[in-house]
Protein backbone atom coordinates (compact mmCIF):
# COMPACT_ATOMS: atom_id res chain seq x y z
CA MET A 1 138.32 21.44 146.34
CA PRO A 2 138.80 24.92 148.28
CA CYS A 3 142.22 26.19 147.72
CA SER A 4 144.12 28.37 150.41
CA CYS A 5 147.43 30.57 150.47
CA CYS A 6 149.62 29.92 153.28
CA GLN A 7 152.35 32.76 152.54
CA ILE A 8 152.27 35.83 149.98
CA VAL A 9 155.68 38.23 149.07
CA ARG A 10 153.81 41.54 148.54
CA SER A 11 156.31 43.86 145.75
CA CYS A 12 154.76 47.42 144.99
CA ASP A 13 155.38 47.64 141.17
CA GLY A 14 153.97 43.50 141.07
CA SER A 15 157.26 42.43 139.16
CA SER A 16 158.23 39.89 141.90
CA MET A 17 154.95 38.96 143.79
CA SER A 18 155.11 35.72 144.13
CA SER A 19 152.92 32.98 146.56
CA VAL A 20 153.58 30.00 147.84
CA MET A 21 150.19 28.11 147.80
CA GLN A 22 148.59 24.97 148.87
CA SER A 23 145.79 23.11 148.36
CA ALA A 24 143.73 22.61 152.12
CA PRO A 25 140.29 20.16 152.02
CA GLY A 26 137.05 22.08 153.31
CA PRO A 27 133.66 21.90 152.45
CA ALA A 28 132.79 23.35 149.12
CA PRO A 29 131.39 26.86 149.21
CA GLY A 30 127.47 27.18 150.04
CA ALA A 31 125.10 28.95 148.23
CA GLN A 32 125.54 32.33 147.64
CA GLU A 33 124.10 35.93 146.86
CA PRO A 34 126.13 38.68 146.73
CA THR A 35 126.23 42.19 148.62
CA GLY A 36 127.67 44.99 146.76
CA SER A 37 128.44 47.47 144.19
CA GLY A 38 131.34 47.06 141.89
CA THR A 39 130.39 45.44 138.59
CA SER A 40 129.92 41.89 139.85
CA PRO A 41 129.61 39.26 142.17
CA GLN A 42 133.46 39.20 144.29
CA PRO A 43 137.43 38.18 144.33
CA GLY A 44 141.11 38.74 142.72
CA SER A 45 143.41 38.60 140.26
CA GLY A 46 147.42 38.89 140.15
CA ASN A 47 151.00 37.38 138.73
CA GLY A 48 151.01 33.73 138.60
CA ASP A 49 151.51 30.81 136.79
CA VAL A 50 150.98 32.06 133.34
CA ALA A 51 154.06 34.50 132.30
CA ALA A 52 156.30 35.55 129.50
CA ASN A 53 155.66 38.32 127.24
CA TYR A 54 152.59 39.87 126.40
CA LYS A 55 153.34 40.29 122.13
CA ASP A 56 151.41 39.91 119.06
CA LYS A 57 148.03 41.82 119.90
CA PRO A 58 145.88 42.56 117.81
CA ALA A 59 145.19 46.30 116.81
CA ALA A 60 142.39 47.96 118.28
CA GLY A 61 139.82 48.31 115.64
CA GLY A 62 141.43 45.23 113.96
CA PRO A 63 139.63 41.98 112.86
CA ALA A 64 139.90 40.67 116.62
CA ASP A 65 137.50 43.26 117.89
CA SER A 66 134.38 43.46 115.48
CA GLY A 67 131.89 41.09 115.84
CA GLU A 68 132.32 40.19 112.00
CA GLY A 69 135.95 39.84 112.42
CA ALA A 70 135.38 37.79 115.45
CA LYS A 71 132.98 35.75 113.49
CA ALA A 72 135.44 35.30 110.60
CA ARG A 73 138.15 33.97 112.49
CA ARG A 74 135.48 31.79 114.50
CA GLN A 75 135.24 29.89 111.16
CA SER A 76 138.23 30.05 109.83
CA GLU A 77 139.40 27.96 113.29
CA GLY A 78 137.30 25.38 112.23
CA ALA A 79 134.40 26.26 114.31
CA PRO A 80 131.26 27.05 112.14
CA ALA A 81 127.71 27.41 113.88
CA PRO A 82 126.50 23.98 115.34
CA VAL A 83 123.58 21.85 114.25
CA ILE A 84 122.76 19.70 116.91
CA PRO A 85 121.51 20.67 120.27
CA GLU A 86 124.04 20.19 123.33
CA PHE A 87 121.91 16.99 124.73
CA CYS A 88 124.02 16.97 127.22
CA SER A 89 122.82 19.71 128.88
CA PRO A 90 120.05 18.99 131.17
CA GLY A 91 118.25 22.06 130.15
CA VAL A 92 118.23 21.16 126.63
CA PHE A 93 117.33 17.03 127.66
CA SER A 94 114.39 18.37 129.77
CA ARG A 95 113.29 21.05 126.88
CA THR A 96 113.48 18.24 124.40
CA LEU A 97 111.47 15.55 126.16
CA LEU A 98 108.74 17.96 126.98
CA LEU A 99 108.36 19.43 123.28
CA VAL A 100 108.50 16.19 121.50
CA HIS A 101 106.24 14.47 124.61
CA LEU A 102 103.95 17.21 124.16
CA GLY A 103 103.13 16.44 120.35
CA VAL A 104 102.88 12.65 121.43
CA LEU A 105 100.07 13.51 123.54
CA ALA A 106 99.32 15.67 120.52
CA VAL A 107 99.21 13.05 118.05
CA LEU A 108 97.44 10.47 120.86
CA GLY A 109 94.69 12.84 121.15
CA ALA A 110 94.19 13.37 117.75
CA SER A 111 94.05 9.06 116.95
CA VAL A 112 91.27 9.11 119.54
CA SER A 113 89.14 12.08 117.87
CA LEU A 114 89.65 10.95 114.41
CA TRP A 115 89.40 7.15 114.48
CA ASP A 116 86.95 7.14 117.91
CA ASP A 117 88.45 3.40 117.70
CA GLY A 118 89.90 2.86 121.47
CA ASN A 119 91.93 0.05 119.70
CA ARG A 120 93.39 2.00 117.24
CA ALA A 121 94.25 5.13 120.33
CA LEU A 122 95.65 1.62 122.01
CA ASP A 123 97.69 0.47 118.69
CA THR A 124 99.27 4.05 118.97
CA LEU A 125 100.03 4.71 122.23
CA PHE A 126 101.83 1.14 122.19
CA TYR A 127 103.79 2.23 118.69
CA LEU A 128 104.93 5.46 120.95
CA LEU A 129 105.87 3.41 124.24
CA THR A 130 107.77 0.61 122.34
CA ILE A 131 109.50 1.75 119.30
CA PHE A 132 109.32 6.14 119.29
CA GLU A 133 110.53 6.79 123.18
CA PRO A 134 113.54 4.34 123.15
CA SER A 135 114.33 5.87 119.75
CA MET A 136 114.79 9.17 120.98
CA LEU A 137 116.58 8.76 124.24
CA LEU A 138 118.94 6.26 122.15
CA ALA A 139 119.32 9.18 119.63
CA MET A 140 119.84 12.01 122.15
CA LEU A 141 122.49 9.66 123.95
CA LEU A 142 124.44 8.83 120.81
CA LEU A 143 124.00 12.66 119.46
CA CYS A 144 124.84 13.78 122.98
CA LEU A 145 128.14 11.30 122.75
CA ALA A 146 129.12 12.52 118.92
CA ARG A 147 128.37 16.40 118.97
CA LYS A 148 131.97 17.31 119.65
CA LYS A 149 133.07 15.68 116.52
CA VAL A 150 129.98 16.45 114.17
CA ASN A 151 130.25 19.55 114.91
CA GLY A 152 133.44 20.44 113.25
CA LEU A 153 131.82 19.47 110.46
CA SER A 154 130.26 21.50 108.05
CA GLN A 155 127.08 22.76 108.30
CA ARG A 156 125.59 20.64 105.95
CA MET A 157 127.13 18.03 107.03
CA GLN A 158 126.12 18.73 110.70
CA TRP A 159 122.46 18.35 109.15
CA VAL A 160 123.26 15.53 107.41
CA PHE A 161 124.97 13.81 110.75
CA GLY A 162 121.87 15.12 112.74
CA LEU A 163 119.09 13.53 110.83
CA LEU A 164 120.60 9.87 109.76
CA ILE A 165 121.76 9.04 113.06
CA PRO A 166 117.75 9.68 114.38
CA GLY A 167 116.30 7.86 111.46
CA ALA A 168 118.46 5.43 111.68
CA ILE A 169 117.91 4.23 115.28
CA GLY A 170 114.02 4.55 114.23
CA GLY A 171 114.40 2.60 111.91
CA VAL A 172 116.43 -0.06 113.68
CA VAL A 173 114.27 -0.05 116.63
CA SER A 174 111.18 -0.93 114.47
CA LEU A 175 112.80 -3.60 113.13
CA VAL A 176 113.82 -5.12 116.20
CA VAL A 177 110.30 -4.09 118.06
CA GLY A 178 108.21 -5.72 114.92
CA ASN A 179 110.12 -8.88 114.28
CA VAL A 180 110.20 -9.70 118.46
CA GLN A 181 106.25 -9.33 117.77
CA ARG A 182 106.35 -11.68 114.69
CA VAL A 183 107.98 -14.23 116.40
CA ALA A 184 105.87 -13.82 119.68
CA ALA A 185 103.12 -14.08 117.22
CA GLY A 186 104.38 -17.03 115.14
CA GLU A 187 104.46 -15.04 111.59
CA HIS A 188 106.06 -16.75 109.14
CA ARG A 189 109.03 -14.92 106.77
CA ASP A 190 106.48 -13.34 104.42
CA ALA A 191 105.41 -10.92 107.46
CA TYR A 192 108.87 -9.23 106.92
CA VAL A 193 107.93 -6.46 104.24
CA PRO A 194 105.89 -4.99 106.47
CA LEU A 195 108.02 -4.86 109.01
CA LEU A 196 110.33 -3.04 106.62
CA HIS A 197 107.48 -0.67 105.82
CA ASP A 198 107.00 -0.21 109.17
CA ALA A 199 110.82 0.41 109.40
CA LEU A 200 110.97 3.25 107.12
CA GLY A 201 108.15 4.78 108.29
CA ALA A 202 109.62 4.75 111.80
CA ALA A 203 112.81 6.27 110.14
CA LEU A 204 110.97 9.17 108.58
CA CYS A 205 109.11 9.98 111.47
CA ALA A 206 112.80 10.32 113.54
CA VAL A 207 114.11 12.21 110.91
CA LEU A 208 111.47 14.45 110.76
CA VAL A 209 111.47 14.77 114.60
CA ALA A 210 114.41 15.85 114.57
CA GLY A 211 114.44 18.23 112.27
CA GLY A 212 112.17 19.73 113.58
CA VAL A 213 113.78 19.67 117.46
CA TYR A 214 116.46 21.33 115.58
CA ARG A 215 114.54 23.95 114.35
CA TYR A 216 113.08 25.26 117.43
CA PHE A 217 116.20 25.10 119.20
CA ARG A 218 117.40 27.48 116.11
CA LEU A 219 114.78 29.85 116.69
CA ARG A 220 114.99 29.79 120.29
CA GLY A 221 118.70 31.20 119.68
CA ARG A 222 117.78 33.60 117.20
CA ALA A 223 114.37 35.16 119.54
CA TYR A 224 117.11 35.20 122.39
CA ALA A 225 119.66 37.43 120.44
CA PRO A 226 118.03 40.41 121.98
CA SER A 227 119.04 39.48 125.36
CA PHE A 228 122.77 39.13 123.93
CA SER A 229 122.49 42.47 122.83
CA GLU A 230 121.11 44.09 126.09
CA ALA A 231 123.59 42.08 128.18
CA ARG A 232 126.15 43.13 126.39
CA LEU A 233 124.96 46.76 126.87
CA GLN A 234 124.36 46.05 130.41
CA ALA A 235 127.94 44.53 130.49
CA LEU A 236 129.74 47.78 128.90
CA GLN A 237 127.67 49.61 131.82
CA ALA A 238 129.30 47.27 134.45
CA ARG A 239 132.97 47.33 132.60
CA ILE A 240 133.80 50.76 131.97
CA ARG A 241 133.04 51.54 135.55
CA PRO A 242 134.30 55.96 135.22
CA HIS A 243 135.75 56.12 138.62
CA PHE A 244 138.27 52.85 137.92
CA LEU A 245 139.71 55.04 134.46
CA PHE A 246 139.44 57.95 136.57
CA ASN A 247 141.52 56.38 139.63
CA SER A 248 143.54 54.30 136.95
CA LEU A 249 144.74 57.93 135.03
CA ASN A 250 145.36 59.42 138.95
CA THR A 251 147.98 56.87 139.28
CA VAL A 252 149.48 56.99 136.32
CA LEU A 253 150.20 60.93 136.51
CA GLY A 254 151.79 60.12 139.82
CA LEU A 255 154.34 57.88 138.53
CA ILE A 256 154.68 59.88 135.46
CA ARG A 257 158.19 61.47 137.03
CA SER A 258 158.78 59.12 139.94
CA ASN A 259 158.57 55.79 137.46
CA PRO A 260 157.90 56.56 134.03
CA LYS A 261 158.18 53.08 133.08
CA LEU A 262 156.10 52.01 134.92
CA ALA A 263 153.80 54.13 134.39
CA GLU A 264 153.95 53.73 130.36
CA SER A 265 153.75 49.68 131.03
CA THR A 266 150.29 50.75 133.24
CA LEU A 267 149.05 52.52 130.52
CA GLU A 268 149.90 49.44 128.12
CA ASN A 269 148.45 47.55 130.11
CA LEU A 270 144.85 49.78 130.65
CA ALA A 271 145.19 50.10 126.78
CA ASP A 272 144.67 46.39 126.77
CA LEU A 273 142.08 46.00 129.37
CA PHE A 274 139.88 48.89 127.40
CA ARG A 275 140.11 46.53 123.73
CA VAL A 276 139.24 43.38 125.62
CA PHE A 277 136.20 45.51 127.15
CA MET A 278 135.30 46.87 123.70
CA ARG A 279 135.34 43.36 122.15
CA ASP A 280 131.96 41.16 121.16
CA ALA A 281 130.44 39.73 124.64
CA ARG A 282 129.53 36.90 122.95
CA GLU A 283 133.29 35.53 121.72
CA MET A 284 134.64 33.11 123.26
CA VAL A 285 137.86 32.95 124.12
CA PRO A 286 140.54 30.35 125.76
CA LEU A 287 140.75 30.55 129.45
CA ASP A 288 144.71 31.68 129.71
CA ASP A 289 143.44 34.88 127.67
CA GLU A 290 140.79 35.66 130.31
CA VAL A 291 143.15 35.14 133.33
CA VAL A 292 145.56 37.23 131.73
CA THR A 293 143.29 40.00 131.22
CA CYS A 294 142.39 39.43 134.94
CA LYS A 295 145.95 40.26 135.87
CA GLU A 296 146.41 43.13 133.92
CA TYR A 297 143.25 44.60 135.76
CA LEU A 298 144.74 43.80 139.30
CA ALA A 299 148.19 44.52 138.30
CA ILE A 300 146.68 48.00 137.77
CA GLU A 301 144.32 47.96 141.38
CA LYS A 302 147.56 46.99 142.92
CA LEU A 303 149.69 49.83 142.25
CA ARG A 304 146.68 51.73 143.69
CA LEU A 305 146.11 49.85 146.94
CA ALA A 306 149.41 49.30 147.24
CA PRO A 307 149.71 47.08 150.61
CA ARG A 308 145.60 46.59 151.14
CA LEU A 309 145.91 44.34 148.25
CA ASP A 310 147.34 40.77 147.87
CA VAL A 311 146.50 38.07 145.49
CA CYS A 312 146.80 34.44 145.89
CA TRP A 313 146.28 32.36 142.35
CA LYS A 314 146.42 28.57 142.45
CA ILE A 315 145.83 28.04 138.76
CA ASP A 316 148.04 24.79 138.47
CA GLY A 317 145.60 22.60 137.50
CA MET A 318 143.64 25.32 135.15
CA PRO A 319 142.36 24.04 131.98
CA GLY A 320 144.14 26.51 129.52
CA ASP A 321 142.36 26.07 126.50
CA ALA A 322 138.81 25.63 127.71
CA LEU A 323 136.50 28.13 126.15
CA VAL A 324 134.75 30.74 128.41
CA PRO A 325 132.69 33.96 127.80
CA SER A 326 134.72 36.83 127.00
CA LEU A 327 135.25 39.25 130.50
CA LEU A 328 133.08 36.45 132.63
CA LEU A 329 135.93 36.30 135.70
CA GLN A 330 136.95 40.22 135.37
CA PRO A 331 133.91 41.65 136.70
CA LEU A 332 133.37 39.35 139.55
CA LEU A 333 137.36 40.32 140.70
CA GLU A 334 136.26 44.31 140.02
CA ASN A 335 133.48 43.26 142.41
CA ALA A 336 135.54 41.64 145.30
CA VAL A 337 138.08 44.58 144.99
CA HIS A 338 135.39 46.95 145.60
CA HIS A 339 133.50 45.85 148.36
CA GLY A 340 136.35 43.51 149.99
CA ILE A 341 139.66 45.81 149.48
CA GLU A 342 138.63 49.16 149.22
CA PRO A 343 137.06 49.76 151.91
CA ARG A 344 139.77 47.84 154.43
CA THR A 345 142.86 49.47 156.04
CA GLU A 346 144.80 46.68 156.81
CA THR A 347 145.72 43.85 154.06
CA GLY A 348 142.99 41.80 152.60
CA VAL A 349 143.97 38.66 150.80
CA LEU A 350 141.97 37.84 147.21
CA ASN A 351 142.69 34.06 146.32
CA ILE A 352 141.63 32.58 143.29
CA CYS A 353 141.37 28.94 142.36
CA ILE A 354 140.63 27.48 138.29
CA THR A 355 140.56 23.66 138.61
CA LEU A 356 139.11 20.96 136.16
CA VAL A 357 136.74 18.84 138.03
CA GLY A 358 136.01 15.58 135.50
CA GLU A 359 134.10 17.38 132.46
CA ARG A 360 133.63 20.99 134.33
CA VAL A 361 135.79 24.24 134.76
CA ARG A 362 135.68 25.49 138.58
CA VAL A 363 136.72 28.85 139.77
CA GLU A 364 136.48 29.69 143.75
CA ILE A 365 137.02 33.21 144.46
CA ASP A 366 137.21 35.04 148.28
CA ASN A 367 137.93 38.14 149.89
CA PRO A 368 137.64 39.50 153.35
CA ILE A 369 134.49 40.95 154.14
CA SER A 370 134.60 43.94 155.28
CA THR A 371 133.05 45.79 158.73
CA THR A 372 131.87 48.84 156.40
CA VAL A 373 130.80 46.95 153.59
CA ALA A 374 127.22 47.24 154.29
CA SER A 375 127.48 51.20 153.54
CA ARG A 376 128.32 50.63 150.45
CA PRO A 377 125.45 50.62 147.55
CA GLY A 378 124.59 47.51 146.13
CA ASN A 379 125.42 46.30 142.86
CA GLN A 380 123.30 43.49 141.28
CA MET A 381 123.34 44.73 137.75
CA ALA A 382 126.81 42.96 136.82
CA LEU A 383 125.89 39.73 139.16
CA SER A 384 123.07 39.79 136.87
CA ASN A 385 124.74 40.32 133.77
CA VAL A 386 127.13 37.46 134.74
CA ARG A 387 124.16 35.23 135.32
CA GLU A 388 122.45 35.64 132.32
CA ARG A 389 125.51 35.39 129.95
CA LEU A 390 125.87 31.90 131.91
CA MET A 391 122.25 30.84 130.83
CA LEU A 392 122.28 32.55 127.36
CA LEU A 393 125.71 30.61 126.83
CA TYR A 394 125.28 26.94 128.82
CA ASP A 395 122.00 27.06 129.96
CA MET A 396 121.33 24.69 132.95
CA ALA A 397 124.65 22.80 132.95
CA ALA A 398 126.15 26.18 134.27
CA GLU A 399 126.20 26.78 137.87
CA LEU A 400 127.38 30.35 139.80
CA ARG A 401 127.01 30.59 143.66
CA THR A 402 127.87 33.05 146.15
CA GLY A 403 127.80 34.42 149.65
CA PRO A 404 129.53 34.65 152.76
CA GLN A 405 131.92 32.19 154.59
CA GLY A 406 132.77 33.02 157.77
CA ASP A 407 134.75 36.29 157.92
CA ARG A 408 135.11 35.62 153.50
CA TYR A 409 132.91 36.17 150.65
CA GLN A 410 133.23 33.56 148.03
CA VAL A 411 132.29 32.71 144.72
CA LEU A 412 132.16 29.41 142.84
CA LEU A 413 131.67 29.12 139.53
CA GLU A 414 130.87 25.93 137.50
CA PHE A 415 130.67 25.48 133.75
CA PRO A 416 131.33 22.66 131.12
CA TYR A 417 134.44 22.00 129.84
CA ARG A 418 134.73 23.30 126.37
CA LYS A 419 138.13 22.90 124.57
CA GLU A 420 139.45 24.65 121.66
CA ARG A 421 139.31 23.14 118.72
CA ARG A 422 142.37 24.86 117.38
CA ARG A 423 145.25 25.55 119.78
CA ARG A 424 145.87 29.33 118.54
CA ASP A 425 150.00 30.31 117.57
CA VAL A 426 149.24 33.76 118.92
CA ARG A 427 147.78 33.80 122.26
CA ARG A 428 148.63 36.40 125.44
CA HIS A 429 150.55 35.73 128.07
CA PHE A 430 151.06 38.35 131.26
CA ASN A 431 154.26 39.75 132.13
CA PRO A 432 154.92 40.41 135.65
CA ASP A 433 157.83 42.62 134.26
CA ARG A 434 155.69 45.14 132.30
């Protein structure tokens, strides 16, 4: 449901800013495409429902900041690289169907050319339609349901279960279909021996096909590895904007004498932000951590823009343990500030609503449309980077839509809810008093 903020109480240092938020029914945002420069789509962040103290942060350059360290941490949390593709994803499901059916057509064509016998070709087609097709669909359905549990096992056990399930299904379906044919033909029990032979052949065929599909998706993932590197470079260019650092340091300089405590806390927030900026772009983090990053960013922008920026959070229904790509939301908020708030002379409100809808995380962000936005240069790179990261990580299961809705610009982001396997003892928290 779209979210709206009915009242916002402003505080210059952000220490006591609170909001009274209401959920109002309304149409979901339509397809959208941004205008803009900044760092990506648009929307905001501030204080909110994730409060406490920010402590126990890893030191810069430590294991949490390196790719190998992040990989080691993920493995220590019981998350080895998955072997079974995510057949619940429409993209993976459709690619598997296409790949396997191309193989079926190749086998059918070979049977016609080799045997030059129409009856043998029809027998092959009947076998493929009555045994192979149901086995494949049932196997993908079962693997889709069992993937979360199987992926928590070791690599070897993942391969065992990933091959055993299709093999068992192929053998059972072959036995059932063969037995139905035997009964229909009035054959006797001595026909069970060839039935078992056919079932073993079907099971072996299913294992080989499953192994080929798994191998294809693993090779596809490796082929996209350079794209990950490119995406990270683009993300670095889009995130670490020199003018943001320049403006932040100027803000700190202005506070050193008038409010040294606030200047110190702003520098701490800035250091935390740049530590996150340098994190491996492929690392998945809890949504709680991503929200903290967004709030730290907006706390700095709040000091710079003062009365022009207000933020309304509605995250009561947010699944904090949902895993998301690092720095997925912050570029969207930076773009919103750049396009919707900076050009304004009066106060502008950024609304951020994060909820769980079924098995999908839904993020709605909107900001006012500035009358001078057309004069500001566009920045499609950041939005393209976000789209590319979503495609690489979620394939067709993720959705990003942007566009104007009346006098406001909205961003709608949806992606699958992937729960953190083991809740970490050390979690980031936003401290509004810092």
